[in-house]
Amino acid sequence: MEFPTEIIGEKGYIKVTGDLDTETAGEALRSAFNEIYDKGKRTIVLDLSGAQIINSYGIGKVLMCYKRLKAENGVLMVKPLQGFVKETFELLMLDKILPTDK
């Protein structure tokens, strides 16, 4: 499993194309994040529109990305969330620390 990445201007984008509910999916997110991070981008947008489910594997990787960027004054952003993923982010109050990219 791989998640496509793209760099537009100063932002890196990760398009999650499946659920973040397995260790494999979490590792795919980490790999995509590292690909952008290693190119020097410190503003990364996570597009979770392709995910219907997220659990502790996915949340753990999202927080790992957030912490690495925050340590270097970077920003992890999310595209507008929907459904169960949005509910999970709100329940865990992640929507308070991750800004939305429009």
PDB file of N, CA and C in Angstrom:
ATOM      1  N   MET A   1       0.847  -1.179   0.000  1.00  0.00           N
ATOM      2  CA  MET A   1       0.000   0.000   0.000  1.00  0.00           C
ATOM      3  C   MET A   1       0.888   1.237   0.000  1.00  0.00           C
ATOM      4  N   GLU A   2       0.565   2.166  -0.887  1.00  0.00           N
ATOM      5  CA  GLU A   2       1.271   3.442  -0.954  1.00  0.00           C
ATOM      6  C   GLU A   2       0.252   4.560  -1.084  1.00  0.00           C
ATOM      7  N   PHE A   3       0.584   5.697  -0.496  1.00  0.00           N
ATOM      8  CA  PHE A   3      -0.261   6.875  -0.627  1.00  0.00           C
ATOM      9  C   PHE A   3       0.479   7.876  -1.509  1.00  0.00           C
ATOM     10  N   PRO A   4      -0.189   8.392  -2.558  1.00  0.00           N
ATOM     11  CA  PRO A   4       0.477   9.344  -3.444  1.00  0.00           C
ATOM     12  C   PRO A   4       0.810  10.652  -2.742  1.00  0.00           C
ATOM     13  N   THR A   5       1.939  11.220  -3.142  1.00  0.00           N
ATOM     14  CA  THR A   5       2.371  12.508  -2.598  1.00  0.00           C
ATOM     15  C   THR A   5       2.557  13.491  -3.746  1.00  0.00           C
ATOM     16  N   GLU A   6       2.500  14.766  -3.387  1.00  0.00           N
ATOM     17  CA  GLU A   6       2.666  15.819  -4.375  1.00  0.00           C
ATOM     18  C   GLU A   6       3.186  17.051  -3.656  1.00  0.00           C
ATOM     19  N   ILE A   7       4.021  17.803  -4.332  1.00  0.00           N
ATOM     20  CA  ILE A   7       4.504  19.062  -3.777  1.00  0.00           C
ATOM     21  C   ILE A   7       4.018  20.187  -4.684  1.00  0.00           C
ATOM     22  N   ILE A   8       3.319  21.139  -4.082  1.00  0.00           N
ATOM     23  CA  ILE A   8       2.844  22.309  -4.803  1.00  0.00           C
ATOM     24  C   ILE A   8       3.310  23.521  -4.014  1.00  0.00           C
ATOM     25  N   GLY A   9       4.218  24.271  -4.592  1.00  0.00           N
ATOM     26  CA  GLY A   9       4.769  25.433  -3.903  1.00  0.00           C
ATOM     27  C   GLY A   9       5.502  25.011  -2.641  1.00  0.00           C
ATOM     28  N   GLU A  10       5.106  25.601  -1.531  1.00  0.00           N
ATOM     29  CA  GLU A  10       5.762  25.310  -0.254  1.00  0.00           C
ATOM     30  C   GLU A  10       5.096  24.186   0.523  1.00  0.00           C
ATOM     31  N   LYS A  11       4.030  23.612  -0.028  1.00  0.00           N
ATOM     32  CA  LYS A  11       3.287  22.570   0.694  1.00  0.00           C
ATOM     33  C   LYS A  11       3.495  21.202   0.049  1.00  0.00           C
ATOM     34  N   GLY A  12       3.562  20.210   0.919  1.00  0.00           N
ATOM     35  CA  GLY A  12       3.543  18.831   0.470  1.00  0.00           C
ATOM     36  C   GLY A  12       2.174  18.250   0.768  1.00  0.00           C
ATOM     37  N   TYR A  13       1.686  17.400  -0.119  1.00  0.00           N
ATOM     38  CA  TYR A  13       0.356  16.812   0.028  1.00  0.00           C
ATOM     39  C   TYR A  13       0.445  15.288   0.047  1.00  0.00           C
ATOM     40  N   ILE A  14      -0.301  14.694   0.962  1.00  0.00           N
ATOM     41  CA  ILE A  14      -0.422  13.238   1.030  1.00  0.00           C
ATOM     42  C   ILE A  14      -1.892  12.903   0.834  1.00  0.00           C
ATOM     43  N   LYS A  15      -2.188  12.082  -0.168  1.00  0.00           N
ATOM     44  CA  LYS A  15      -3.570  11.656  -0.443  1.00  0.00           C
ATOM     45  C   LYS A  15      -3.741  10.244   0.100  1.00  0.00           C
ATOM     46  N   VAL A  16      -4.499  10.131   1.164  1.00  0.00           N
ATOM     47  CA  VAL A  16      -4.778   8.819   1.758  1.00  0.00           C
ATOM     48  C   VAL A  16      -5.864   8.161   0.917  1.00  0.00           C
ATOM     49  N   THR A  17      -5.534   7.010   0.338  1.00  0.00           N
ATOM     50  CA  THR A  17      -6.434   6.356  -0.614  1.00  0.00           C
ATOM     51  C   THR A  17      -7.119   5.118  -0.045  1.00  0.00           C
ATOM     52  N   GLY A  18      -7.084   4.976   1.259  1.00  0.00           N
ATOM     53  CA  GLY A  18      -7.745   3.847   1.905  1.00  0.00           C
ATOM     54  C   GLY A  18      -7.855   4.109   3.393  1.00  0.00           C
ATOM     55  N   ASP A  19      -8.437   3.176   4.083  1.00  0.00           N
ATOM     56  CA  ASP A  19      -8.627   3.335   5.523  1.00  0.00           C
ATOM     57  C   ASP A  19      -7.299   3.271   6.272  1.00  0.00           C
ATOM     58  N   LEU A  20      -7.214   4.036   7.355  1.00  0.00           N
ATOM     59  CA  LEU A  20      -6.027   4.032   8.222  1.00  0.00           C
ATOM     60  C   LEU A  20      -6.348   3.194   9.455  1.00  0.00           C
ATOM     61  N   ASP A  21      -6.497   1.901   9.226  1.00  0.00           N
ATOM     62  CA  ASP A  21      -6.908   1.026  10.327  1.00  0.00           C
ATOM     63  C   ASP A  21      -6.040  -0.219  10.462  1.00  0.00           C
ATOM     64  N   THR A  22      -4.888  -0.220   9.808  1.00  0.00           N
ATOM     65  CA  THR A  22      -3.963  -1.353   9.933  1.00  0.00           C
ATOM     66  C   THR A  22      -2.545  -0.825  10.076  1.00  0.00           C
ATOM     67  N   GLU A  23      -1.687  -1.693  10.544  1.00  0.00           N
ATOM     68  CA  GLU A  23      -0.281  -1.316  10.655  1.00  0.00           C
ATOM     69  C   GLU A  23       0.299  -1.013   9.273  1.00  0.00           C
ATOM     70  N   THR A  24      -0.126  -1.760   8.268  1.00  0.00           N
ATOM     71  CA  THR A  24       0.339  -1.535   6.903  1.00  0.00           C
ATOM     72  C   THR A  24      -0.031  -0.134   6.415  1.00  0.00           C
ATOM     73  N   ALA A  25      -1.262   0.278   6.666  1.00  0.00           N
ATOM     74  CA  ALA A  25      -1.710   1.614   6.266  1.00  0.00           C
ATOM     75  C   ALA A  25      -0.954   2.690   7.037  1.00  0.00           C
ATOM     76  N   GLY A  26      -0.727   2.458   8.325  1.00  0.00           N
ATOM     77  CA  GLY A  26       0.035   3.406   9.130  1.00  0.00           C
ATOM     78  C   GLY A  26       1.453   3.565   8.611  1.00  0.00           C
ATOM     79  N   GLU A  27       2.065   2.471   8.209  1.00  0.00           N
ATOM     80  CA  GLU A  27       3.426   2.526   7.663  1.00  0.00           C
ATOM     81  C   GLU A  27       3.439   3.219   6.306  1.00  0.00           C
ATOM     82  N   ALA A  28       2.381   3.041   5.511  1.00  0.00           N
ATOM     83  CA  ALA A  28       2.287   3.733   4.228  1.00  0.00           C
ATOM     84  C   ALA A  28       2.207   5.243   4.442  1.00  0.00           C
ATOM     85  N   LEU A  29       1.474   5.666   5.476  1.00  0.00           N
ATOM     86  CA  LEU A  29       1.392   7.089   5.803  1.00  0.00           C
ATOM     87  C   LEU A  29       2.752   7.606   6.247  1.00  0.00           C
ATOM     88  N   ARG A  30       3.424   6.851   7.100  1.00  0.00           N
ATOM     89  CA  ARG A  30       4.757   7.260   7.563  1.00  0.00           C
ATOM     90  C   ARG A  30       5.723   7.394   6.392  1.00  0.00           C
ATOM     91  N   SER A  31       5.685   6.454   5.487  1.00  0.00           N
ATOM     92  CA  SER A  31       6.560   6.472   4.319  1.00  0.00           C
ATOM     93  C   SER A  31       6.285   7.687   3.428  1.00  0.00           C
ATOM     94  N   ALA A  32       5.003   7.976   3.176  1.00  0.00           N
ATOM     95  CA  ALA A  32       4.635   9.138   2.368  1.00  0.00           C
ATOM     96  C   ALA A  32       5.066  10.432   3.060  1.00  0.00           C
ATOM     97  N   PHE A  33       4.866  10.495   4.371  1.00  0.00           N
ATOM     98  CA  PHE A  33       5.280  11.667   5.141  1.00  0.00           C
ATOM     99  C   PHE A  33       6.791  11.876   5.015  1.00  0.00           C
ATOM    100  N   ASN A  34       7.556  10.800   5.220  1.00  0.00           N
ATOM    101  CA  ASN A  34       9.017  10.907   5.151  1.00  0.00           C
ATOM    102  C   ASN A  34       9.491  11.345   3.774  1.00  0.00           C
ATOM    103  N   GLU A  35       8.805  10.905   2.735  1.00  0.00           N
ATOM    104  CA  GLU A  35       9.167  11.294   1.367  1.00  0.00           C
ATOM    105  C   GLU A  35       9.106  12.808   1.208  1.00  0.00           C
ATOM    106  N   ILE A  36       8.056  13.420   1.720  1.00  0.00           N
ATOM    107  CA  ILE A  36       7.906  14.878   1.631  1.00  0.00           C
ATOM    108  C   ILE A  36       8.837  15.585   2.613  1.00  0.00           C
ATOM    109  N   TYR A  37       8.885  15.088   3.829  1.00  0.00           N
ATOM    110  CA  TYR A  37       9.713  15.691   4.884  1.00  0.00           C
ATOM    111  C   TYR A  37      11.185  15.730   4.461  1.00  0.00           C
ATOM    112  N   ASP A  38      11.655  14.642   3.861  1.00  0.00           N
ATOM    113  CA  ASP A  38      13.055  14.556   3.438  1.00  0.00           C
ATOM    114  C   ASP A  38      13.384  15.508   2.304  1.00  0.00           C
ATOM    115  N   LYS A  39      12.365  16.032   1.627  1.00  0.00           N
ATOM    116  CA  LYS A  39      12.575  17.038   0.581  1.00  0.00           C
ATOM    117  C   LYS A  39      12.561  18.445   1.156  1.00  0.00           C
ATOM    118  N   GLY A  40      12.485  18.548   2.491  1.00  0.00           N
ATOM    119  CA  GLY A  40      12.579  19.843   3.151  1.00  0.00           C
ATOM    120  C   GLY A  40      11.264  20.561   3.363  1.00  0.00           C
ATOM    121  N   LYS A  41      10.158  19.951   3.025  1.00  0.00           N
ATOM    122  CA  LYS A  41       8.863  20.610   3.217  1.00  0.00           C
ATOM    123  C   LYS A  41       8.429  20.485   4.671  1.00  0.00           C
ATOM    124  N   ARG A  42       8.023  21.606   5.250  1.00  0.00           N
ATOM    125  CA  ARG A  42       7.612  21.625   6.646  1.00  0.00           C
ATOM    126  C   ARG A  42       6.153  22.046   6.822  1.00  0.00           C
ATOM    127  N   THR A  43       5.441  22.182   5.720  1.00  0.00           N
ATOM    128  CA  THR A  43       3.989  22.333   5.741  1.00  0.00           C
ATOM    129  C   THR A  43       3.440  21.188   4.911  1.00  0.00           C
ATOM    130  N   ILE A  44       2.747  20.291   5.574  1.00  0.00           N
ATOM    131  CA  ILE A  44       2.245  19.094   4.912  1.00  0.00           C
ATOM    132  C   ILE A  44       0.733  19.010   5.131  1.00  0.00           C
ATOM    133  N   VAL A  45       0.029  18.757   4.040  1.00  0.00           N
ATOM    134  CA  VAL A  45      -1.429  18.657   4.065  1.00  0.00           C
ATOM    135  C   VAL A  45      -1.808  17.190   3.892  1.00  0.00           C
ATOM    136  N   LEU A  46      -2.602  16.705   4.819  1.00  0.00           N
ATOM    137  CA  LEU A  46      -3.060  15.324   4.818  1.00  0.00           C
ATOM    138  C   LEU A  46      -4.500  15.299   4.310  1.00  0.00           C
ATOM    139  N   ASP A  47      -4.687  14.676   3.143  1.00  0.00           N
ATOM    140  CA  ASP A  47      -6.027  14.571   2.554  1.00  0.00           C
ATOM    141  C   ASP A  47      -6.598  13.205   2.922  1.00  0.00           C
ATOM    142  N   LEU A  48      -7.511  13.204   3.884  1.00  0.00           N
ATOM    143  CA  LEU A  48      -8.114  11.970   4.381  1.00  0.00           C
ATOM    144  C   LEU A  48      -9.470  11.674   3.741  1.00  0.00           C
ATOM    145  N   SER A  49      -9.762  12.325   2.630  1.00  0.00           N
ATOM    146  CA  SER A  49     -11.074  12.132   2.005  1.00  0.00           C
ATOM    147  C   SER A  49     -11.261  10.704   1.488  1.00  0.00           C
ATOM    148  N   GLY A  50     -10.179   9.980   1.245  1.00  0.00           N
ATOM    149  CA  GLY A  50     -10.271   8.605   0.776  1.00  0.00           C
ATOM    150  C   GLY A  50     -10.369   7.583   1.895  1.00  0.00           C
ATOM    151  N   ALA A  51     -10.362   8.048   3.137  1.00  0.00           N
ATOM    152  CA  ALA A  51     -10.441   7.143   4.296  1.00  0.00           C
ATOM    153  C   ALA A  51     -11.825   7.221   4.920  1.00  0.00           C
ATOM    154  N   GLN A  52     -12.401   6.061   5.182  1.00  0.00           N
ATOM    155  CA  GLN A  52     -13.678   6.031   5.877  1.00  0.00           C
ATOM    156  C   GLN A  52     -13.500   5.648   7.339  1.00  0.00           C
ATOM    157  N   ILE A  53     -12.389   4.976   7.638  1.00  0.00           N
ATOM    158  CA  ILE A  53     -12.122   4.500   8.998  1.00  0.00           C
ATOM    159  C   ILE A  53     -10.698   4.884   9.391  1.00  0.00           C
ATOM    160  N   ILE A  54     -10.540   5.300  10.635  1.00  0.00           N
ATOM    161  CA  ILE A  54      -9.213   5.535  11.200  1.00  0.00           C
ATOM    162  C   ILE A  54      -9.242   4.990  12.625  1.00  0.00           C
ATOM    163  N   ASN A  55      -8.180   4.295  13.006  1.00  0.00           N
ATOM    164  CA  ASN A  55      -8.098   3.774  14.377  1.00  0.00           C
ATOM    165  C   ASN A  55      -6.747   4.148  14.969  1.00  0.00           C
ATOM    166  N   SER A  56      -6.340   3.446  16.012  1.00  0.00           N
ATOM    167  CA  SER A  56      -5.122   3.816  16.730  1.00  0.00           C
ATOM    168  C   SER A  56      -3.871   3.752  15.866  1.00  0.00           C
ATOM    169  N   TYR A  57      -3.814   2.835  14.903  1.00  0.00           N
ATOM    170  CA  TYR A  57      -2.652   2.808  14.003  1.00  0.00           C
ATOM    171  C   TYR A  57      -2.553   4.129  13.246  1.00  0.00           C
ATOM    172  N   GLY A  58      -3.647   4.538  12.646  1.00  0.00           N
ATOM    173  CA  GLY A  58      -3.652   5.767  11.869  1.00  0.00           C
ATOM    174  C   GLY A  58      -3.453   7.003  12.721  1.00  0.00           C
ATOM    175  N   ILE A  59      -4.148   7.072  13.849  1.00  0.00           N
ATOM    176  CA  ILE A  59      -4.010   8.224  14.750  1.00  0.00           C
ATOM    177  C   ILE A  59      -2.567   8.348  15.232  1.00  0.00           C
ATOM    178  N   GLY A  60      -1.959   7.221  15.572  1.00  0.00           N
ATOM    179  CA  GLY A  60      -0.566   7.234  16.034  1.00  0.00           C
ATOM    180  C   GLY A  60       0.367   7.809  14.994  1.00  0.00           C
ATOM    181  N   LYS A  61       0.185   7.438  13.746  1.00  0.00           N
ATOM    182  CA  LYS A  61       1.047   7.951  12.671  1.00  0.00           C
ATOM    183  C   LYS A  61       0.769   9.425  12.399  1.00  0.00           C
ATOM    184  N   VAL A  62      -0.496   9.829  12.458  1.00  0.00           N
ATOM    185  CA  VAL A  62      -0.831  11.244  12.276  1.00  0.00           C
ATOM    186  C   VAL A  62      -0.140  12.073  13.366  1.00  0.00           C
ATOM    187  N   LEU A  63      -0.195  11.595  14.614  1.00  0.00           N
ATOM    188  CA  LEU A  63       0.448  12.324  15.715  1.00  0.00           C
ATOM    189  C   LEU A  63       1.964  12.325  15.587  1.00  0.00           C
ATOM    190  N   MET A  64       2.543  11.240  15.073  1.00  0.00           N
ATOM    191  CA  MET A  64       3.983  11.203  14.841  1.00  0.00           C
ATOM    192  C   MET A  64       4.375  12.286  13.830  1.00  0.00           C
ATOM    193  N   CYS A  65       3.604  12.406  12.756  1.00  0.00           N
ATOM    194  CA  CYS A  65       3.859  13.437  11.747  1.00  0.00           C
ATOM    195  C   CYS A  65       3.736  14.832  12.359  1.00  0.00           C
ATOM    196  N   TYR A  66       2.685  15.027  13.126  1.00  0.00           N
ATOM    197  CA  TYR A  66       2.443  16.320  13.778  1.00  0.00           C
ATOM    198  C   TYR A  66       3.624  16.708  14.685  1.00  0.00           C
ATOM    199  N   LYS A  67       4.088  15.772  15.497  1.00  0.00           N
ATOM    200  CA  LYS A  67       5.157  16.066  16.446  1.00  0.00           C
ATOM    201  C   LYS A  67       6.476  16.384  15.739  1.00  0.00           C
ATOM    202  N   ARG A  68       6.772  15.642  14.674  1.00  0.00           N
ATOM    203  CA  ARG A  68       8.015  15.915  13.929  1.00  0.00           C
ATOM    204  C   ARG A  68       7.984  17.296  13.301  1.00  0.00           C
ATOM    205  N   LEU A  69       6.855  17.672  12.731  1.00  0.00           N
ATOM    206  CA  LEU A  69       6.752  18.992  12.114  1.00  0.00           C
ATOM    207  C   LEU A  69       6.770  20.100  13.159  1.00  0.00           C
ATOM    208  N   LYS A  70       6.038  19.905  14.239  1.00  0.00           N
ATOM    209  CA  LYS A  70       5.975  20.922  15.291  1.00  0.00           C
ATOM    210  C   LYS A  70       7.359  21.202  15.879  1.00  0.00           C
ATOM    211  N   ALA A  71       8.182  20.180  15.998  1.00  0.00           N
ATOM    212  CA  ALA A  71       9.536  20.339  16.540  1.00  0.00           C
ATOM    213  C   ALA A  71      10.390  21.262  15.673  1.00  0.00           C
ATOM    214  N   GLU A  72      10.025  21.414  14.407  1.00  0.00           N
ATOM    215  CA  GLU A  72      10.779  22.294  13.505  1.00  0.00           C
ATOM    216  C   GLU A  72       9.934  23.477  13.029  1.00  0.00           C
ATOM    217  N   ASN A  73       8.953  23.849  13.844  1.00  0.00           N
ATOM    218  CA  ASN A  73       8.048  24.954  13.528  1.00  0.00           C
ATOM    219  C   ASN A  73       7.297  24.733  12.225  1.00  0.00           C
ATOM    220  N   GLY A  74       7.055  23.477  11.905  1.00  0.00           N
ATOM    221  CA  GLY A  74       6.270  23.136  10.729  1.00  0.00           C
ATOM    222  C   GLY A  74       4.804  22.981  11.100  1.00  0.00           C
ATOM    223  N   VAL A  75       3.988  22.668  10.091  1.00  0.00           N
ATOM    224  CA  VAL A  75       2.549  22.550  10.298  1.00  0.00           C
ATOM    225  C   VAL A  75       2.030  21.319   9.562  1.00  0.00           C
ATOM    226  N   LEU A  76       1.241  20.529  10.262  1.00  0.00           N
ATOM    227  CA  LEU A  76       0.488  19.446   9.635  1.00  0.00           C
ATOM    228  C   LEU A  76      -0.951  19.916   9.542  1.00  0.00           C
ATOM    229  N   MET A  77      -1.465  19.918   8.319  1.00  0.00           N
ATOM    230  CA  MET A  77      -2.834  20.368   8.080  1.00  0.00           C
ATOM    231  C   MET A  77      -3.644  19.197   7.533  1.00  0.00           C
ATOM    232  N   VAL A  78      -4.960  19.320   7.613  1.00  0.00           N
ATOM    233  CA  VAL A  78      -5.843  18.315   7.029  1.00  0.00           C
ATOM    234  C   VAL A  78      -6.796  19.005   6.058  1.00  0.00           C
ATOM    235  N   LYS A  79      -7.204  18.264   5.047  1.00  0.00           N
ATOM    236  CA  LYS A  79      -8.286  18.742   4.185  1.00  0.00           C
ATOM    237  C   LYS A  79      -9.561  18.639   5.014  1.00  0.00           C
ATOM    238  N   PRO A  80     -10.615  19.342   4.649  1.00  0.00           N
ATOM    239  CA  PRO A  80     -11.864  19.213   5.421  1.00  0.00           C
ATOM    240  C   PRO A  80     -12.257  17.746   5.611  1.00  0.00           C
ATOM    241  N   LEU A  81     -12.522  17.396   6.861  1.00  0.00           N
ATOM    242  CA  LEU A  81     -12.821  16.009   7.219  1.00  0.00           C
ATOM    243  C   LEU A  81     -14.307  15.721   7.092  1.00  0.00           C
ATOM    244  N   GLN A  82     -14.627  14.429   7.004  1.00  0.00           N
ATOM    245  CA  GLN A  82     -16.028  14.027   6.880  1.00  0.00           C
ATOM    246  C   GLN A  82     -16.255  12.692   7.571  1.00  0.00           C
ATOM    247  N   GLY A  83     -17.504  12.410   7.864  1.00  0.00           N
ATOM    248  CA  GLY A  83     -17.915  11.106   8.378  1.00  0.00           C
ATOM    249  C   GLY A  83     -17.236  10.665   9.659  1.00  0.00           C
ATOM    250  N   PHE A  84     -16.921   9.363   9.715  1.00  0.00           N
ATOM    251  CA  PHE A  84     -16.332   8.755  10.901  1.00  0.00           C
ATOM    252  C   PHE A  84     -14.970   9.350  11.233  1.00  0.00           C
ATOM    253  N   VAL A  85     -14.195   9.667  10.196  1.00  0.00           N
ATOM    254  CA  VAL A  85     -12.863  10.252  10.433  1.00  0.00           C
ATOM    255  C   VAL A  85     -13.021  11.605  11.127  1.00  0.00           C
ATOM    256  N   LYS A  86     -13.971  12.414  10.680  1.00  0.00           N
ATOM    257  CA  LYS A  86     -14.227  13.708  11.317  1.00  0.00           C
ATOM    258  C   LYS A  86     -14.664  13.519  12.771  1.00  0.00           C
ATOM    259  N   GLU A  87     -15.571  12.574  13.004  1.00  0.00           N
ATOM    260  CA  GLU A  87     -16.043  12.301  14.367  1.00  0.00           C
ATOM    261  C   GLU A  87     -14.896  11.867  15.273  1.00  0.00           C
ATOM    262  N   THR A  88     -14.019  11.028  14.746  1.00  0.00           N
ATOM    263  CA  THR A  88     -12.866  10.544  15.529  1.00  0.00           C
ATOM    264  C   THR A  88     -11.936  11.704  15.876  1.00  0.00           C
ATOM    265  N   PHE A  89     -11.640  12.555  14.904  1.00  0.00           N
ATOM    266  CA  PHE A  89     -10.780  13.706  15.165  1.00  0.00           C
ATOM    267  C   PHE A  89     -11.399  14.629  16.211  1.00  0.00           C
ATOM    268  N   GLU A  90     -12.717  14.847  16.120  1.00  0.00           N
ATOM    269  CA  GLU A  90     -13.390  15.707  17.089  1.00  0.00           C
ATOM    270  C   GLU A  90     -13.393  15.075  18.475  1.00  0.00           C
ATOM    271  N   LEU A  91     -13.644  13.771  18.545  1.00  0.00           N
ATOM    272  CA  LEU A  91     -13.663  13.062  19.824  1.00  0.00           C
ATOM    273  C   LEU A  91     -12.302  13.147  20.522  1.00  0.00           C
ATOM    274  N   LEU A  92     -11.234  13.008  19.739  1.00  0.00           N
ATOM    275  CA  LEU A  92      -9.878  13.059  20.296  1.00  0.00           C
ATOM    276  C   LEU A  92      -9.330  14.484  20.354  1.00  0.00           C
ATOM    277  N   MET A  93     -10.150  15.448  19.914  1.00  0.00           N
ATOM    278  CA  MET A  93      -9.796  16.871  19.892  1.00  0.00           C
ATOM    279  C   MET A  93      -8.597  17.164  18.999  1.00  0.00           C
ATOM    280  N   LEU A  94      -8.365  16.320  18.005  1.00  0.00           N
ATOM    281  CA  LEU A  94      -7.304  16.576  17.034  1.00  0.00           C
ATOM    282  C   LEU A  94      -7.667  17.741  16.130  1.00  0.00           C
ATOM    283  N   ASP A  95      -8.961  17.983  15.971  1.00  0.00           N
ATOM    284  CA  ASP A  95      -9.406  19.114  15.157  1.00  0.00           C
ATOM    285  C   ASP A  95      -8.984  20.447  15.775  1.00  0.00           C
ATOM    286  N   LYS A  96      -8.606  20.437  17.059  1.00  0.00           N
ATOM    287  CA  LYS A  96      -8.152  21.662  17.731  1.00  0.00           C
ATOM    288  C   LYS A  96      -6.679  21.957  17.477  1.00  0.00           C
ATOM    289  N   ILE A  97      -5.897  20.922  17.115  1.00  0.00           N
ATOM    290  CA  ILE A  97      -4.454  21.129  16.918  1.00  0.00           C
ATOM    291  C   ILE A  97      -4.036  21.063  15.453  1.00  0.00           C
ATOM    292  N   LEU A  98      -4.891  20.486  14.599  1.00  0.00           N
ATOM    293  CA  LEU A  98      -4.558  20.376  13.178  1.00  0.00           C
ATOM    294  C   LEU A  98      -5.442  21.321  12.374  1.00  0.00           C
ATOM    295  N   PRO A  99      -4.844  22.373  11.829  1.00  0.00           N
ATOM    296  CA  PRO A  99      -5.649  23.323  11.047  1.00  0.00           C
ATOM    297  C   PRO A  99      -6.135  22.684   9.749  1.00  0.00           C
ATOM    298  N   THR A 100      -7.183  23.271   9.196  1.00  0.00           N
ATOM    299  CA  THR A 100      -7.762  22.791   7.939  1.00  0.00           C
ATOM    300  C   THR A 100      -7.213  23.600   6.772  1.00  0.00           C
ATOM    301  N   ASP A 101      -6.815  22.895   5.731  1.00  0.00           N
ATOM    302  CA  ASP A 101      -6.362  23.519   4.487  1.00  0.00           C
ATOM    303  C   ASP A 101      -7.535  23.506   3.517  1.00  0.00           C
ATOM    304  N   LYS A 102      -7.881  24.632   2.983  1.00  0.00           N
ATOM    305  CA  LYS A 102      -9.066  24.693   2.124  1.00  0.00           C
ATOM    306  C   LYS A 102      -8.766  24.385   0.721  1.00  0.00           C
TER     307      LYS A 102
END
